[in-house]
Amino acid sequence: MNALSLVPMFLVGLAGSVHCIGMCGGIVGALSLGASAPAAPARPVIAISVARPALQTTLQTNMLRVLAYNGGRIVSYMLAGALAGSLAGAGMLHLASLQVAGYWLANLMLVALGLYLMDAWRGLAHLEAAGNVVWRRVRPLLKPLMPMDTPLKALAVGGLWGWVPCGMVYSALLTAMMQGSALNGAATMAAFGLGTLPTLLGMGLLGTRLRTQMQRRPVRIASGLLVLGFGLLGLLRAANGVSLGWLDALCVTGHP
């Protein structure tokens, strides 16, 4: 696997991050809420000299917590990707028929994700509901980590939050499974997670202002069309059974 082959997964994460705002926006927005500012002294000149260092410290603390949360989240994606990729590495997907079926399914999931982002079809919501079985076991572990008032707590919360049922993550994991090894699976999910990073970092710093803009229908449609295009391109390649030339670089999964 080369770096160029990871670009489509990065773009899928970037486009799909409009869904992340709905799933993770609340918790990331909470990280942006710093400590209350100190009471203003009576003299304005002194107030400015005191408030500026306090504000700078608050911003630095918020940035550290947001980075820690997202770092934990991406690491959890990588662990899941390594587990998914190891299935193929262990020989579970070495049969040609299973490889072909997995390739078709991975691209069909991208098509479903594109439609989901556009609110044209909500089938992945049922998959997320099924994943709640796992989340019910993970959720109690969050209680000792609240409130997220330190970067270490935010890192731990991010690591657990990465296992929240999410159709977009499931789509990416299916692609990671087709990569043939734990290392490639982890790299695939790292690229995906890094794609979601710009939006969630912005959410942590700008809060509801960015959330409102990213949840606008034109943005969701454009994002969904991009992901849908990746899936349709992969299906076209599978149906023809031949190379598409330079367009192969845009296929999210390698043809078996």
Protein backbone atom coordinates (compact mmCIF):
# COMPACT_ATOMS: atom_id res chain seq x y z
CA MET A 1 0.00 0.00 0.00
CA ASN A 2 1.36 3.43 -0.96
CA ALA A 3 0.45 6.88 0.30
CA LEU A 4 -1.45 7.74 -2.90
CA SER A 5 -3.88 4.87 -2.35
CA LEU A 6 -4.83 6.39 1.01
CA VAL A 7 -5.93 9.72 -0.51
CA PRO A 8 -9.46 8.50 -1.41
CA MET A 9 -9.99 7.31 2.18
CA PHE A 10 -8.85 10.70 3.46
CA LEU A 11 -11.38 12.37 1.13
CA VAL A 12 -14.14 10.02 2.27
CA GLY A 13 -13.39 11.01 5.87
CA LEU A 14 -13.30 14.70 4.92
CA ALA A 15 -16.63 14.53 3.07
CA GLY A 16 -18.21 12.33 5.71
CA SER A 17 -17.25 14.68 8.52
CA VAL A 18 -20.54 16.50 8.00
CA HIS A 19 -22.06 13.41 9.62
CA CYS A 20 -19.40 13.49 12.37
CA ILE A 21 -20.73 16.89 13.41
CA GLY A 22 -24.06 15.28 14.15
CA MET A 23 -22.52 12.29 15.96
CA CYS A 24 -19.60 13.95 17.77
CA GLY A 25 -20.50 17.63 17.56
CA GLY A 26 -21.99 17.76 21.04
CA ILE A 27 -19.00 16.28 22.81
CA VAL A 28 -16.46 18.24 20.75
CA GLY A 29 -18.42 21.41 21.36
CA ALA A 30 -18.30 20.69 25.09
CA LEU A 31 -14.52 20.54 24.90
CA SER A 32 -14.47 24.12 23.62
CA LEU A 33 -16.15 25.42 26.76
CA GLY A 34 -13.35 26.71 28.90
CA ALA A 35 -13.32 27.73 32.51
CA SER A 36 -15.25 30.82 33.41
CA ALA A 37 -13.32 34.04 32.97
CA PRO A 38 -12.16 35.73 36.19
CA ALA A 39 -14.26 38.58 37.51
CA ALA A 40 -13.24 41.93 36.01
CA PRO A 41 -11.39 44.24 38.40
CA ALA A 42 -12.65 47.75 38.97
CA ARG A 43 -9.93 49.43 36.92
CA PRO A 44 -10.20 48.74 33.11
CA VAL A 45 -6.45 48.86 32.54
CA ILE A 46 -5.86 46.13 35.09
CA ALA A 47 -8.80 44.13 33.67
CA ILE A 48 -7.15 44.00 30.24
CA SER A 49 -3.80 42.91 31.67
CA VAL A 50 -5.44 40.11 33.69
CA ALA A 51 -7.97 38.93 31.10
CA ARG A 52 -5.54 38.48 28.22
CA PRO A 53 -3.28 35.89 29.91
CA ALA A 54 -6.37 34.11 31.27
CA LEU A 55 -7.94 33.98 27.81
CA GLN A 56 -4.71 32.71 26.25
CA THR A 57 -4.42 29.98 28.87
CA THR A 58 -8.04 28.94 28.30
CA LEU A 59 -7.55 28.75 24.53
CA GLN A 60 -4.39 26.66 24.93
CA THR A 61 -6.16 24.30 27.33
CA ASN A 62 -9.12 23.93 24.99
CA MET A 63 -6.81 23.23 22.05
CA LEU A 64 -4.96 20.54 23.99
CA ARG A 65 -8.22 18.87 24.99
CA VAL A 66 -9.63 18.97 21.46
CA LEU A 67 -6.39 17.53 20.03
CA ALA A 68 -6.30 14.85 22.72
CA TYR A 69 -9.91 13.84 22.09
CA ASN A 70 -9.37 13.54 18.35
CA GLY A 71 -6.07 11.73 18.85
CA GLY A 72 -7.80 9.11 20.99
CA ARG A 73 -10.60 8.80 18.46
CA ILE A 74 -8.23 8.24 15.53
CA VAL A 75 -6.17 5.70 17.50
CA SER A 76 -9.36 3.75 18.20
CA TYR A 77 -10.13 3.79 14.45
CA MET A 78 -6.63 2.46 13.75
CA LEU A 79 -7.05 -0.36 16.27
CA ALA A 80 -10.38 -1.32 14.71
CA GLY A 81 -8.77 -1.16 11.25
CA ALA A 82 -5.92 -3.39 12.38
CA LEU A 83 -8.42 -5.94 13.68
CA ALA A 84 -10.43 -5.79 10.45
CA GLY A 85 -7.33 -6.05 8.26
CA SER A 86 -6.00 -8.97 10.29
CA LEU A 87 -9.06 -11.01 9.26
CA ALA A 88 -7.76 -11.02 5.70
CA GLY A 89 -4.20 -11.53 6.87
CA ALA A 90 -5.27 -14.58 8.84
CA GLY A 91 -6.62 -16.18 5.67
CA MET A 92 -10.31 -15.52 6.18
CA LEU A 93 -10.61 -13.57 2.92
CA HIS A 94 -8.07 -15.36 0.76
CA LEU A 95 -10.64 -17.18 -1.33
CA ALA A 96 -11.16 -15.38 -4.64
CA SER A 97 -14.93 -15.50 -4.33
CA LEU A 98 -14.80 -13.89 -0.88
CA GLN A 99 -12.43 -11.20 -2.13
CA VAL A 100 -14.75 -10.29 -5.00
CA ALA A 101 -17.80 -10.29 -2.72
CA GLY A 102 -15.96 -8.11 -0.20
CA TYR A 103 -14.91 -5.66 -2.91
CA TRP A 104 -18.49 -5.29 -4.12
CA LEU A 105 -19.80 -4.94 -0.57
CA ALA A 106 -17.21 -2.30 0.35
CA ASN A 107 -18.20 -0.13 -2.60
CA LEU A 108 -21.90 -0.69 -2.03
CA MET A 109 -21.35 0.58 1.50
CA LEU A 110 -19.78 3.73 0.07
CA VAL A 111 -22.83 4.20 -2.16
CA ALA A 112 -25.05 3.75 0.90
CA LEU A 113 -22.92 6.23 2.83
CA GLY A 114 -23.16 8.81 0.06
CA LEU A 115 -26.94 8.50 0.03
CA TYR A 116 -26.98 8.66 3.82
CA LEU A 117 -25.00 11.89 3.87
CA MET A 118 -27.46 13.42 1.39
CA ASP A 119 -30.43 12.20 3.48
CA ALA A 120 -31.62 10.35 0.38
CA TRP A 121 -31.62 6.94 2.08
CA ARG A 122 -31.29 6.22 5.79
CA GLY A 123 -30.48 2.51 5.63
CA LEU A 124 -27.21 2.90 7.52
CA ALA A 125 -29.18 4.19 10.50
CA HIS A 126 -30.39 0.61 11.05
CA LEU A 127 -26.78 -0.58 11.08
CA GLU A 128 -25.92 2.04 13.66
CA ALA A 129 -28.83 0.88 15.78
CA ALA A 130 -27.49 -2.68 15.67
CA GLY A 131 -24.10 -1.42 16.84
CA ASN A 132 -25.68 -0.07 20.02
CA VAL A 133 -25.22 -3.55 21.50
CA VAL A 134 -21.48 -2.88 21.66
CA TRP A 135 -21.87 0.75 22.72
CA ARG A 136 -24.00 -0.20 25.74
CA ARG A 137 -20.98 -2.08 27.08
CA VAL A 138 -18.57 0.76 26.41
CA ARG A 139 -20.69 3.68 27.62
CA PRO A 140 -20.35 2.99 31.40
CA LEU A 141 -16.60 3.47 31.05
CA LEU A 142 -17.21 7.16 30.25
CA LYS A 143 -18.67 8.05 33.65
CA PRO A 144 -15.36 8.30 35.57
CA LEU A 145 -13.97 10.52 32.79
CA MET A 146 -16.57 13.26 33.21
CA PRO A 147 -16.13 16.17 33.24
CA MET A 148 -13.43 16.24 30.55
CA ASP A 149 -11.39 18.88 32.32
CA THR A 150 -7.92 17.57 31.40
CA PRO A 151 -6.27 16.49 28.11
CA LEU A 152 -5.73 13.00 29.53
CA LYS A 153 -9.45 12.57 30.18
CA ALA A 154 -10.23 13.91 26.69
CA LEU A 155 -7.78 11.39 25.20
CA ALA A 156 -9.51 8.54 27.01
CA VAL A 157 -12.98 9.77 26.01
CA GLY A 158 -11.87 10.00 22.38
CA GLY A 159 -10.53 6.46 22.54
CA LEU A 160 -13.89 5.20 23.78
CA TRP A 161 -15.98 7.46 21.53
CA GLY A 162 -14.33 5.90 18.48
CA TRP A 163 -16.44 2.81 19.17
CA VAL A 164 -19.75 4.66 18.98
CA PRO A 165 -22.00 2.94 16.38
CA CYS A 166 -21.53 4.88 13.14
CA GLY A 167 -22.45 3.78 9.62
CA MET A 168 -19.68 5.92 8.17
CA VAL A 169 -17.03 4.17 10.29
CA TYR A 170 -18.50 0.78 9.38
CA SER A 171 -18.11 1.64 5.69
CA ALA A 172 -14.48 2.56 6.23
CA LEU A 173 -13.84 -0.58 8.29
CA LEU A 174 -15.13 -2.78 5.51
CA THR A 175 -12.60 -1.14 3.21
CA ALA A 176 -9.88 -1.66 5.82
CA MET A 177 -10.78 -5.33 5.96
CA MET A 178 -10.02 -5.67 2.26
CA GLN A 179 -6.46 -4.37 2.63
CA GLY A 180 -5.00 -7.76 3.48
CA SER A 181 -3.09 -7.03 6.69
CA ALA A 182 -3.39 -5.42 10.10
CA LEU A 183 -0.85 -2.73 9.15
CA ASN A 184 -2.68 -1.77 5.96
CA GLY A 185 -6.01 -1.84 7.76
CA ALA A 186 -4.67 0.50 10.43
CA ALA A 187 -3.21 2.83 7.77
CA THR A 188 -6.57 2.91 5.95
CA MET A 189 -8.42 3.92 9.09
CA ALA A 190 -5.72 6.46 9.97
CA ALA A 191 -6.26 8.16 6.61
CA PHE A 192 -10.01 8.10 7.17
CA GLY A 193 -9.67 9.51 10.69
CA LEU A 194 -7.32 12.28 9.55
CA GLY A 195 -9.91 13.22 6.94
CA THR A 196 -12.45 13.84 9.68
CA LEU A 197 -9.95 15.86 11.72
CA PRO A 198 -10.20 19.34 10.09
CA THR A 199 -13.95 19.60 10.63
CA LEU A 200 -13.89 18.32 14.21
CA LEU A 201 -10.94 20.53 15.11
CA GLY A 202 -12.86 23.47 13.70
CA MET A 203 -15.91 22.35 15.65
CA GLY A 204 -13.91 22.30 18.84
CA LEU A 205 -12.66 25.85 18.26
CA LEU A 206 -15.63 27.52 16.56
CA GLY A 207 -18.49 25.54 18.08
CA THR A 208 -22.03 25.98 16.79
CA ARG A 209 -21.03 28.49 14.10
CA LEU A 210 -19.23 25.81 12.10
CA ARG A 211 -21.84 23.20 12.94
CA THR A 212 -24.60 25.33 11.46
CA GLN A 213 -22.68 25.91 8.23
CA MET A 214 -21.62 22.28 7.77
CA GLN A 215 -25.13 20.94 8.34
CA ARG A 216 -26.57 23.03 5.51
CA ARG A 217 -28.23 20.92 2.85
CA PRO A 218 -25.97 22.03 -0.06
CA VAL A 219 -22.90 21.00 1.96
CA ARG A 220 -24.39 17.61 2.81
CA ILE A 221 -25.39 16.99 -0.80
CA ALA A 222 -21.94 17.92 -2.12
CA SER A 223 -20.27 15.68 0.46
CA GLY A 224 -22.64 12.81 -0.28
CA LEU A 225 -22.06 13.10 -4.01
CA LEU A 226 -18.30 12.86 -3.52
CA VAL A 227 -18.56 9.66 -1.47
CA LEU A 228 -21.23 8.28 -3.81
CA GLY A 229 -18.87 8.90 -6.72
CA PHE A 230 -16.12 6.84 -5.10
CA GLY A 231 -18.53 3.95 -4.56
CA LEU A 232 -19.95 4.05 -8.10
CA LEU A 233 -16.46 4.20 -9.57
CA GLY A 234 -15.49 1.09 -7.63
CA LEU A 235 -18.64 -0.73 -8.75
CA LEU A 236 -17.95 0.23 -12.37
CA ARG A 237 -14.47 -1.21 -12.06
CA ALA A 238 -15.85 -4.40 -10.52
CA ALA A 239 -18.55 -4.79 -13.19
CA ASN A 240 -16.12 -4.35 -16.06
CA GLY A 241 -13.37 -6.38 -14.46
CA VAL A 242 -10.78 -4.15 -16.14
CA SER A 243 -8.54 -1.26 -15.24
CA LEU A 244 -9.94 2.26 -15.54
CA GLY A 245 -6.51 3.80 -16.10
CA TRP A 246 -5.72 6.84 -13.96
CA LEU A 247 -9.20 6.62 -12.43
CA ASP A 248 -8.00 3.54 -10.55
CA ALA A 249 -6.19 5.92 -8.20
CA LEU A 250 -9.61 7.15 -7.03
CA CYS A 251 -10.90 3.67 -6.14
CA VAL A 252 -11.06 3.26 -2.40
CA THR A 253 -10.39 -0.50 -2.44
CA GLY A 254 -7.98 -2.38 -4.64
CA HIS A 255 -9.61 -4.78 -7.08
CA PRO A 256 -9.02 -8.41 -6.03
